[in-house]
Amino acid sequence: MSFRELRNFTEMMRALGYPRLISVQNFRTPNFTLVAEILIWLIKRYEPHMDIPTDVDTESDRVFFIKAVAQFMATKAHIKLNMKHLYQADGYAVKELLKITSVLYNAMKTKQMAFGETVEEDNNKFKFDLGSRISDLKTARQLASEVTSKGASLYDLLGKEVELREMRTAAIARPLEVNETEKALRAAIKEVLESVEKTKEMLRNVGSDVTSLDAKIEKKKQELERNRKRLQTLQSVRPAFMDEYEKIEEDLQKTYVIYVEKFRNLSFLEAQLDEYHRLEQERFEEAENNMRMMQHKLREEEKDMMRSSLKDEDSDMDVPEDDGSDSDIEESRPAKPRPTRNSIMAGSGARFIGTMQGDSDETEDSEIDVDEDDEEDEEGEEEEESKDLEDDSLEDPVSKVAHTPRGPVRPPLLEESDNDF
């Protein structure tokens, strides 16, 4: 039984004009009264003058009613019905009822179609369409050729009828042989007896099979009962290792709690360590940037100091020569100390050339010597300074700050005026 069959049955009954409304839910449970009403209505619809007993109160009446309906449908409509399914009066009965309703529904549908075609022919009586008649003409031509061929073959066969008639009368007039007939009948009887013996043997085997199956079923029941009792005993007895198992399970729970706590602490410490490393890395990068900036700044200061010292030396080398009384004043004035590259770069171990007082000749000679020494020292010191700058770039900026800058320190200049005397 399927929902589609129930739906089709209800729709067909509604189309046939059944007075009662049939629902799909009516056949979920056995409903013999409804099935009997439907069968009586369908039989009356198929044969209005048919008389069928309608008593379905007792079991015997129901069986008689089902047999009468099945016999009527088999003889009149050539429809074979399953009486067991009809007697169930549930979804399986719908399949049997659907056989009868489908015949009536198709007949009604065919009648409606014929009536519709008649109406259409009446409407199109005065209309003539040559295009629709072309296919009819082709069919008529084909049928005419077939009639001709069939007629020719029939004429040939009728021509042979004279010979065939003689052969047919001879065969009919020939007497039957009793021996052959008896032999055929005996063979048929023998085959029937053999089939009967086989059927009886199968019936005897069925009885023995039933007894053996009953014995096996009883044996399986006993085994099932024993297994149930054994299962109950096993469920009631407490295993010997159950106490130890529960104790180990408690220890495992405690160990798991400790593990979770330590794992959480370890994760937190790893996060803190990563944060510390990150801060240290940022601090180191910042210190490295500061060191680079300090190195760059110190290099710039050294370059500025070197430029300023070179300018001072150049200004000291250019000494003006005056005429008149100024020469006497300069001769009586003590000689100025001239800073040199050796005195500037040497720090505490600086050396000075010349004296505070002396003759003018000695002063001139000393100035010449100082100029020559200055030129030589400048060439040597330029090489040393380039090397020192390369070494300073590799040293720690903190150590550079602690040391005294190697650039030249500008000495205080003595002011010259006429009021010195």
Protein backbone atom coordinates (compact mmCIF):
# COMPACT_ATOMS: atom_id res chain seq x y z
CA MET A 1 0.00 0.00 0.00
CA SER A 2 1.27 3.44 -0.87
CA PHE A 3 -0.02 6.95 -0.50
CA ARG A 4 -0.30 7.31 -4.29
CA GLU A 5 -2.67 4.32 -4.52
CA LEU A 6 -4.86 5.69 -1.73
CA ARG A 7 -4.98 9.07 -3.40
CA ASN A 8 -5.83 7.61 -6.81
CA PHE A 9 -8.59 5.46 -5.29
CA THR A 10 -10.22 8.40 -3.49
CA GLU A 11 -10.03 10.57 -6.62
CA MET A 12 -11.57 7.85 -8.82
CA MET A 13 -14.40 7.24 -6.35
CA ARG A 14 -15.13 10.96 -6.25
CA ALA A 15 -15.11 11.10 -10.07
CA LEU A 16 -17.45 8.07 -10.29
CA GLY A 17 -19.91 9.85 -8.01
CA TYR A 18 -19.67 7.89 -4.75
CA PRO A 19 -22.02 9.66 -2.31
CA ARG A 20 -19.79 9.38 0.73
CA LEU A 21 -16.53 11.28 1.19
CA ILE A 22 -13.58 8.85 1.50
CA SER A 23 -10.47 9.97 3.37
CA VAL A 24 -6.98 8.55 3.14
CA GLN A 25 -7.04 7.87 6.87
CA ASN A 26 -10.06 5.51 6.61
CA PHE A 27 -7.84 2.59 5.62
CA ARG A 28 -5.10 2.99 8.21
CA THR A 29 -6.96 0.47 10.37
CA PRO A 30 -9.29 -2.41 9.24
CA ASN A 31 -12.73 -1.02 8.27
CA PHE A 32 -14.80 -3.89 6.84
CA THR A 33 -18.07 -1.95 6.89
CA LEU A 34 -16.68 0.74 4.56
CA VAL A 35 -15.14 -1.87 2.24
CA ALA A 36 -18.48 -3.74 2.04
CA GLU A 37 -20.36 -0.52 1.21
CA ILE A 38 -17.86 0.35 -1.53
CA LEU A 39 -18.04 -3.17 -3.02
CA ILE A 40 -21.86 -3.15 -3.09
CA TRP A 41 -21.88 0.31 -4.71
CA LEU A 42 -19.30 -0.71 -7.35
CA ILE A 43 -21.24 -3.92 -8.21
CA LYS A 44 -24.48 -1.95 -8.51
CA ARG A 45 -22.69 0.52 -10.74
CA TYR A 46 -21.32 -2.31 -12.89
CA GLU A 47 -24.56 -4.44 -12.91
CA PRO A 48 -27.58 -2.65 -11.47
CA HIS A 49 -29.78 -5.80 -11.41
CA MET A 50 -27.26 -7.96 -9.52
CA ASP A 51 -28.48 -9.27 -6.15
CA ILE A 52 -25.72 -9.79 -3.54
CA PRO A 53 -26.27 -10.52 0.19
CA THR A 54 -25.41 -7.48 2.30
CA ASP A 55 -25.26 -9.15 5.73
CA VAL A 56 -21.74 -8.72 7.21
CA ASP A 57 -22.51 -9.06 10.92
CA THR A 58 -20.96 -12.47 11.53
CA GLU A 59 -17.72 -14.00 10.29
CA SER A 60 -19.49 -16.55 8.07
CA ASP A 61 -21.60 -13.80 6.49
CA ARG A 62 -18.48 -11.80 5.71
CA VAL A 63 -16.76 -14.80 4.13
CA PHE A 64 -19.85 -15.55 2.02
CA PHE A 65 -20.07 -11.89 0.95
CA ILE A 66 -16.41 -11.77 -0.12
CA LYS A 67 -16.75 -15.03 -2.08
CA ALA A 68 -19.85 -13.79 -3.88
CA VAL A 69 -18.17 -10.52 -4.86
CA ALA A 70 -15.02 -12.27 -6.10
CA GLN A 71 -17.06 -14.79 -8.12
CA PHE A 72 -19.17 -12.06 -9.71
CA MET A 73 -16.17 -9.95 -10.72
CA ALA A 74 -14.34 -12.99 -12.09
CA THR A 75 -17.29 -14.13 -14.25
CA LYS A 76 -18.68 -10.78 -15.41
CA ALA A 77 -15.72 -8.42 -15.52
CA HIS A 78 -12.88 -10.96 -15.77
CA ILE A 79 -11.17 -9.34 -12.79
CA LYS A 80 -9.34 -11.60 -10.36
CA LEU A 81 -9.54 -10.39 -6.75
CA ASN A 82 -7.54 -11.53 -3.73
CA MET A 83 -10.16 -12.48 -1.13
CA LYS A 84 -7.68 -12.44 1.77
CA HIS A 85 -6.74 -8.84 1.07
CA LEU A 86 -10.39 -7.87 0.75
CA TYR A 87 -11.21 -9.55 4.05
CA GLN A 88 -8.39 -7.59 5.78
CA ALA A 89 -10.22 -4.35 4.91
CA ASP A 90 -7.09 -2.18 5.22
CA GLY A 91 -4.60 -0.68 2.81
CA TYR A 92 -4.13 -3.98 1.00
CA ALA A 93 -7.87 -4.06 0.24
CA VAL A 94 -7.44 -0.72 -1.56
CA LYS A 95 -5.27 -2.45 -4.19
CA GLU A 96 -8.10 -4.90 -4.95
CA LEU A 97 -10.75 -2.17 -4.99
CA LEU A 98 -8.55 -0.14 -7.31
CA LYS A 99 -8.83 -2.90 -9.95
CA ILE A 100 -12.63 -2.46 -10.14
CA THR A 101 -12.61 1.35 -9.91
CA SER A 102 -9.94 1.68 -12.61
CA VAL A 103 -12.15 -0.28 -15.07
CA LEU A 104 -15.19 1.88 -14.35
CA TYR A 105 -13.15 5.08 -14.40
CA ASN A 106 -11.53 4.26 -17.76
CA ALA A 107 -14.97 3.44 -19.24
CA MET A 108 -16.37 6.73 -18.02
CA LYS A 109 -13.33 8.59 -19.34
CA THR A 110 -13.64 6.88 -22.74
CA LYS A 111 -17.30 7.81 -22.93
CA GLN A 112 -16.55 11.42 -22.11
CA MET A 113 -13.83 11.52 -24.74
CA ALA A 114 -16.20 10.03 -27.34
CA PHE A 115 -18.84 12.55 -26.44
CA GLY A 116 -16.30 15.36 -26.69
CA GLU A 117 -15.19 14.15 -30.12
CA THR A 118 -18.83 14.01 -31.27
CA VAL A 119 -19.38 17.57 -30.14
CA GLU A 120 -16.17 18.64 -31.87
CA GLU A 121 -17.24 16.94 -35.10
CA ASP A 122 -20.58 18.71 -34.92
CA ASN A 123 -18.82 22.02 -34.44
CA ASN A 124 -16.40 21.36 -37.30
CA LYS A 125 -19.01 19.94 -39.68
CA PHE A 126 -18.92 22.91 -41.97
CA LYS A 127 -15.16 23.40 -41.76
CA PHE A 128 -12.79 21.81 -44.20
CA ASP A 129 -9.06 21.83 -43.66
CA LEU A 130 -7.00 20.21 -46.40
CA GLY A 131 -3.85 20.14 -44.30
CA SER A 132 -5.40 17.84 -41.70
CA ARG A 133 -6.65 15.46 -44.41
CA ILE A 134 -3.25 14.78 -45.99
CA SER A 135 -2.31 12.23 -43.34
CA ASP A 136 -5.68 10.51 -43.82
CA LEU A 137 -5.05 10.29 -47.54
CA LYS A 138 -1.67 8.64 -46.97
CA THR A 139 -3.25 6.13 -44.57
CA ALA A 140 -6.01 5.32 -47.04
CA ARG A 141 -3.49 4.76 -49.85
CA GLN A 142 -1.47 2.40 -47.62
CA LEU A 143 -4.61 0.45 -46.62
CA ALA A 144 -5.64 0.10 -50.27
CA SER A 145 -2.28 -1.43 -51.18
CA GLU A 146 -2.53 -3.83 -48.24
CA VAL A 147 -6.05 -4.91 -49.28
CA THR A 148 -4.79 -5.66 -52.76
CA SER A 149 -1.91 -7.79 -51.51
CA LYS A 150 -4.10 -9.63 -49.00
CA GLY A 151 -6.70 -10.36 -51.70
CA ALA A 152 -4.05 -11.84 -54.02
CA SER A 153 -2.73 -14.14 -51.28
CA LEU A 154 -6.27 -15.21 -50.37
CA TYR A 155 -7.00 -16.07 -54.02
CA ASP A 156 -3.91 -18.28 -54.16
CA LEU A 157 -4.92 -20.11 -50.99
CA LEU A 158 -8.44 -20.70 -52.26
CA GLY A 159 -6.97 -22.20 -55.43
CA LYS A 160 -5.30 -24.87 -53.27
CA GLU A 161 -8.53 -25.67 -51.43
CA VAL A 162 -9.38 -28.63 -53.74
CA GLU A 163 -6.25 -30.55 -52.81
CA LEU A 164 -6.44 -29.56 -49.17
CA ARG A 165 -10.10 -30.66 -48.96
CA GLU A 166 -9.26 -34.20 -50.04
CA MET A 167 -6.41 -34.42 -47.55
CA ARG A 168 -8.61 -33.08 -44.77
CA THR A 169 -11.47 -35.55 -45.45
CA ALA A 170 -8.98 -38.45 -45.54
CA ALA A 171 -7.54 -37.47 -42.19
CA ILE A 172 -10.99 -37.13 -40.64
CA ALA A 173 -12.21 -40.43 -42.08
CA ARG A 174 -9.22 -42.39 -40.80
CA PRO A 175 -10.26 -44.51 -37.76
CA LEU A 176 -8.54 -44.02 -34.45
CA GLU A 177 -6.19 -46.74 -33.19
CA VAL A 178 -7.27 -47.95 -29.76
CA ASN A 179 -3.83 -49.22 -28.77
CA GLU A 180 -2.14 -45.88 -29.30
CA THR A 181 -4.88 -44.10 -27.40
CA GLU A 182 -4.61 -46.50 -24.49
CA LYS A 183 -0.86 -46.14 -24.46
CA ALA A 184 -1.14 -42.34 -24.31
CA LEU A 185 -3.71 -42.49 -21.53
CA ARG A 186 -1.60 -44.93 -19.51
CA ALA A 187 1.42 -42.63 -19.83
CA ALA A 188 -0.61 -39.65 -18.68
CA ILE A 189 -2.02 -41.61 -15.72
CA LYS A 190 1.47 -42.75 -14.77
CA GLU A 191 2.78 -39.18 -14.79
CA VAL A 192 -0.13 -38.05 -12.62
CA LEU A 193 0.49 -40.85 -10.13
CA GLU A 194 4.18 -40.00 -9.93
CA SER A 195 3.36 -36.34 -9.23
CA VAL A 196 0.90 -37.46 -6.55
CA GLU A 197 3.56 -39.64 -4.90
CA LYS A 198 6.01 -36.76 -4.98
CA THR A 199 3.44 -34.49 -3.37
CA LYS A 200 2.72 -37.03 -0.64
CA GLU A 201 6.42 -37.48 0.01
CA MET A 202 6.82 -33.72 0.30
CA LEU A 203 3.91 -33.62 2.75
CA ARG A 204 5.52 -36.35 4.86
CA ASN A 205 8.80 -34.43 4.74
CA VAL A 206 6.99 -31.30 5.79
CA GLY A 207 5.69 -33.09 8.90
CA SER A 208 9.16 -34.33 9.82
CA ASP A 209 10.58 -30.87 9.12
CA VAL A 210 8.01 -29.32 11.42
CA THR A 211 8.92 -31.68 14.25
CA SER A 212 12.66 -31.03 13.77
CA LEU A 213 12.09 -27.29 13.69
CA ASP A 214 10.01 -27.48 16.86
CA ALA A 215 12.82 -29.39 18.56
CA LYS A 216 15.37 -26.80 17.43
CA ILE A 217 13.16 -23.95 18.63
CA GLU A 218 12.78 -25.59 22.03
CA LYS A 219 16.53 -26.09 22.26
CA LYS A 220 17.22 -22.45 21.38
CA LYS A 221 14.68 -21.34 23.99
CA GLN A 222 16.48 -23.37 26.66
CA GLU A 223 19.84 -21.87 25.61
CA LEU A 224 18.32 -18.40 25.73
CA GLU A 225 16.99 -19.01 29.22
CA ARG A 226 20.37 -20.26 30.43
CA ASN A 227 22.14 -17.26 28.94
CA ARG A 228 19.68 -14.89 30.61
CA LYS A 229 20.28 -16.52 34.00
CA ARG A 230 24.02 -16.32 33.47
CA LEU A 231 23.75 -12.66 32.54
CA GLN A 232 21.77 -11.91 35.67
CA THR A 233 24.37 -13.65 37.84
CA LEU A 234 27.20 -11.74 36.16
CA GLN A 235 25.38 -8.45 36.64
CA SER A 236 24.72 -9.18 40.33
CA VAL A 237 28.32 -10.22 41.14
CA ARG A 238 30.78 -7.37 41.69
CA PRO A 239 34.15 -7.93 39.98
CA ALA A 240 37.22 -8.40 42.16
CA PHE A 241 39.17 -5.60 40.52
CA MET A 242 36.36 -3.04 40.75
CA ASP A 243 37.70 -1.44 43.99
CA GLU A 244 41.14 -1.02 42.52
CA TYR A 245 39.63 0.36 39.33
CA GLU A 246 37.63 3.00 41.23
CA LYS A 247 40.70 3.95 43.27
CA ILE A 248 42.83 4.33 40.14
CA GLU A 249 40.08 6.36 38.52
CA GLU A 250 40.04 8.78 41.49
CA ASP A 251 43.83 9.10 41.34
CA LEU A 252 43.61 9.75 37.62
CA GLN A 253 41.05 12.51 38.20
CA LYS A 254 43.32 14.20 40.77
CA THR A 255 46.34 13.84 38.50
CA TYR A 256 44.40 15.37 35.65
CA VAL A 257 43.45 18.37 37.78
CA ILE A 258 47.13 18.88 38.72
CA TYR A 259 48.14 18.50 35.08
CA VAL A 260 45.59 21.09 33.96
CA GLU A 261 46.81 23.56 36.60
CA LYS A 262 50.47 23.07 35.67
CA PHE A 263 49.71 23.33 32.00
CA ARG A 264 47.87 26.59 32.60
CA ASN A 265 50.78 27.96 34.66
CA LEU A 266 53.28 26.86 32.04
CA SER A 267 51.30 28.56 29.29
CA PHE A 268 51.13 31.76 31.36
CA LEU A 269 54.88 31.70 32.07
CA GLU A 270 55.67 31.08 28.41
CA ALA A 271 53.53 34.06 27.49
CA GLN A 272 55.32 36.21 30.11
CA LEU A 273 58.71 35.02 28.82
CA ASP A 274 57.78 35.90 25.26
CA GLU A 275 56.65 39.34 26.42
CA TYR A 276 59.94 39.83 28.33
CA HIS A 277 62.00 38.81 25.29
CA ARG A 278 60.01 41.20 23.16
CA LEU A 279 60.60 44.10 25.56
CA GLU A 280 64.32 43.25 25.79
CA GLN A 281 64.53 43.18 22.01
CA GLU A 282 62.83 46.57 21.77
CA ARG A 283 65.14 47.95 24.50
CA PHE A 284 68.20 46.61 22.72
CA GLU A 285 67.12 48.06 19.39
CA GLU A 286 66.44 51.42 21.04
CA ALA A 287 69.85 51.42 22.74
CA GLU A 288 71.51 50.48 19.46
CA ASN A 289 69.75 53.34 17.69
CA ASN A 290 70.83 55.75 20.45
CA MET A 291 74.44 54.54 20.17
CA ARG A 292 74.38 55.07 16.41
CA MET A 293 72.98 58.56 16.90
CA MET A 294 75.66 59.37 19.50
CA GLN A 295 78.42 58.06 17.22
CA HIS A 296 77.11 60.14 14.38
CA LYS A 297 76.89 63.20 16.64
CA LEU A 298 80.44 62.71 17.98
CA ARG A 299 81.79 62.35 14.45
CA GLU A 300 80.08 65.59 13.47
CA GLU A 301 81.52 67.37 16.55
CA GLU A 302 85.02 66.07 15.84
CA LYS A 303 84.77 67.22 12.23
CA ASP A 304 83.60 70.69 13.37
CA MET A 305 86.42 70.94 15.93
CA MET A 306 89.01 69.86 13.37
CA ARG A 307 87.74 72.45 10.90
CA SER A 308 87.85 75.18 13.58
CA SER A 309 91.40 74.19 14.66
CA LEU A 310 92.62 74.24 11.11
CA LYS A 311 91.13 77.68 10.61
CA ASP A 312 92.86 78.95 13.80
CA GLU A 313 96.20 77.58 12.66
CA ASP A 314 95.81 79.25 9.30
CA SER A 315 95.02 82.56 11.00
CA ASP A 316 98.06 82.22 13.27
CA MET A 317 100.35 81.54 10.32
CA ASP A 318 99.39 84.84 8.67
CA VAL A 319 101.40 87.42 10.80
CA PRO A 320 101.33 91.10 9.53
CA GLU A 321 104.62 93.10 9.33
CA ASP A 322 104.28 96.74 10.42
CA ASP A 323 106.75 99.64 9.93
CA GLY A 324 107.81 102.33 12.43
CA SER A 325 107.50 102.19 16.18
CA ASP A 326 105.31 99.14 16.15
CA SER A 327 108.31 96.94 15.33
CA ASP A 328 110.04 98.09 18.49
CA ILE A 329 106.99 97.34 20.50
CA GLU A 330 106.74 93.87 19.01
CA GLU A 331 110.41 93.21 19.68
CA SER A 332 110.05 94.19 23.31
CA ARG A 333 106.77 92.12 23.60
CA PRO A 334 107.18 88.48 24.62
CA ALA A 335 106.57 85.93 21.89
CA LYS A 336 103.13 84.31 21.69
CA PRO A 337 102.86 80.59 22.28
CA ARG A 338 101.71 78.87 19.05
CA PRO A 339 99.53 75.83 19.48
CA THR A 340 100.57 72.95 17.29
CA ARG A 341 98.96 69.68 16.28
CA ASN A 342 101.28 67.90 18.68
CA SER A 343 100.24 70.02 21.59
CA ILE A 344 96.54 69.70 20.76
CA MET A 345 96.36 65.99 20.16
CA ALA A 346 98.87 64.87 22.78
CA GLY A 347 96.77 65.90 25.80
CA SER A 348 98.87 65.99 29.00
CA GLY A 349 102.10 65.06 27.17
CA ALA A 350 102.03 68.16 24.90
CA ARG A 351 105.27 69.87 23.84
CA PHE A 352 105.74 73.56 23.10
CA ILE A 353 108.32 75.09 20.82
CA GLY A 354 109.80 78.49 21.63
CA THR A 355 110.19 80.57 24.78
CA MET A 356 108.37 83.36 26.45
CA GLN A 357 111.30 85.80 25.90
CA GLY A 358 114.30 85.95 23.64
CA ASP A 359 116.02 87.78 20.82
CA SER A 360 114.25 88.55 17.64
CA ASP A 361 116.60 86.38 15.62
CA GLU A 362 115.96 83.39 17.76
CA THR A 363 112.26 84.10 17.61
CA GLU A 364 112.26 84.20 13.84
CA ASP A 365 114.24 80.98 13.63
CA SER A 366 111.92 79.27 16.05
CA GLU A 367 108.90 80.46 14.08
CA ILE A 368 110.35 79.04 10.89
CA ASP A 369 111.05 75.74 12.63
CA VAL A 370 107.57 75.70 14.06
CA ASP A 371 106.05 76.29 10.62
CA GLU A 372 108.01 73.43 9.12
CA ASP A 373 107.16 71.14 12.01
CA ASP A 374 103.53 72.13 11.75
CA GLU A 375 103.37 71.21 8.11
CA GLU A 376 104.94 67.82 8.75
CA ASP A 377 102.76 67.20 11.77
CA GLU A 378 99.61 68.10 9.86
CA GLU A 379 100.35 65.52 7.19
CA GLY A 380 101.02 62.81 9.79
CA GLU A 381 98.10 63.75 11.95
CA GLU A 382 95.63 63.65 9.07
CA GLU A 383 96.51 59.99 8.52
CA GLU A 384 96.26 59.27 12.24
CA GLU A 385 92.90 61.00 12.50
CA SER A 386 91.43 58.96 9.62
CA LYS A 387 92.57 55.78 11.40
CA ASP A 388 91.24 57.02 14.74
CA LEU A 389 87.82 57.77 13.20
CA GLU A 390 87.61 54.24 11.84
CA ASP A 391 88.56 52.81 15.26
CA ASP A 392 86.11 55.07 17.07
CA SER A 393 83.19 53.82 14.93
CA LEU A 394 83.79 50.33 16.33
CA GLU A 395 84.13 51.36 19.98
CA ASP A 396 81.34 51.66 22.55
CA PRO A 397 79.82 55.11 22.63
CA VAL A 398 79.91 55.06 26.41
CA SER A 399 83.72 54.71 26.38
CA LYS A 400 83.93 57.55 23.89
CA VAL A 401 81.98 59.79 26.17
CA ALA A 402 84.29 58.92 29.08
CA HIS A 403 87.47 59.78 27.10
CA THR A 404 88.57 63.29 26.34
CA PRO A 405 87.77 64.23 22.76
CA ARG A 406 90.83 64.04 20.56
CA GLY A 407 89.92 67.09 18.58
CA PRO A 408 92.00 70.24 19.02
CA VAL A 409 91.00 72.64 21.77
CA ARG A 410 91.06 76.22 20.77
CA PRO A 411 93.51 78.12 23.07
CA PRO A 412 92.56 81.55 24.32
CA LEU A 413 93.94 84.27 22.09
CA LEU A 414 95.95 87.11 23.58
CA GLU A 415 94.51 90.47 22.81
CA GLU A 416 96.97 92.98 21.29
CA SER A 417 96.59 96.65 21.95
CA ASP A 418 98.74 99.74 22.44
CA ASN A 419 97.90 99.84 26.12
CA ASP A 420 100.02 96.78 27.02
CA PHE A 421 102.95 98.88 28.25
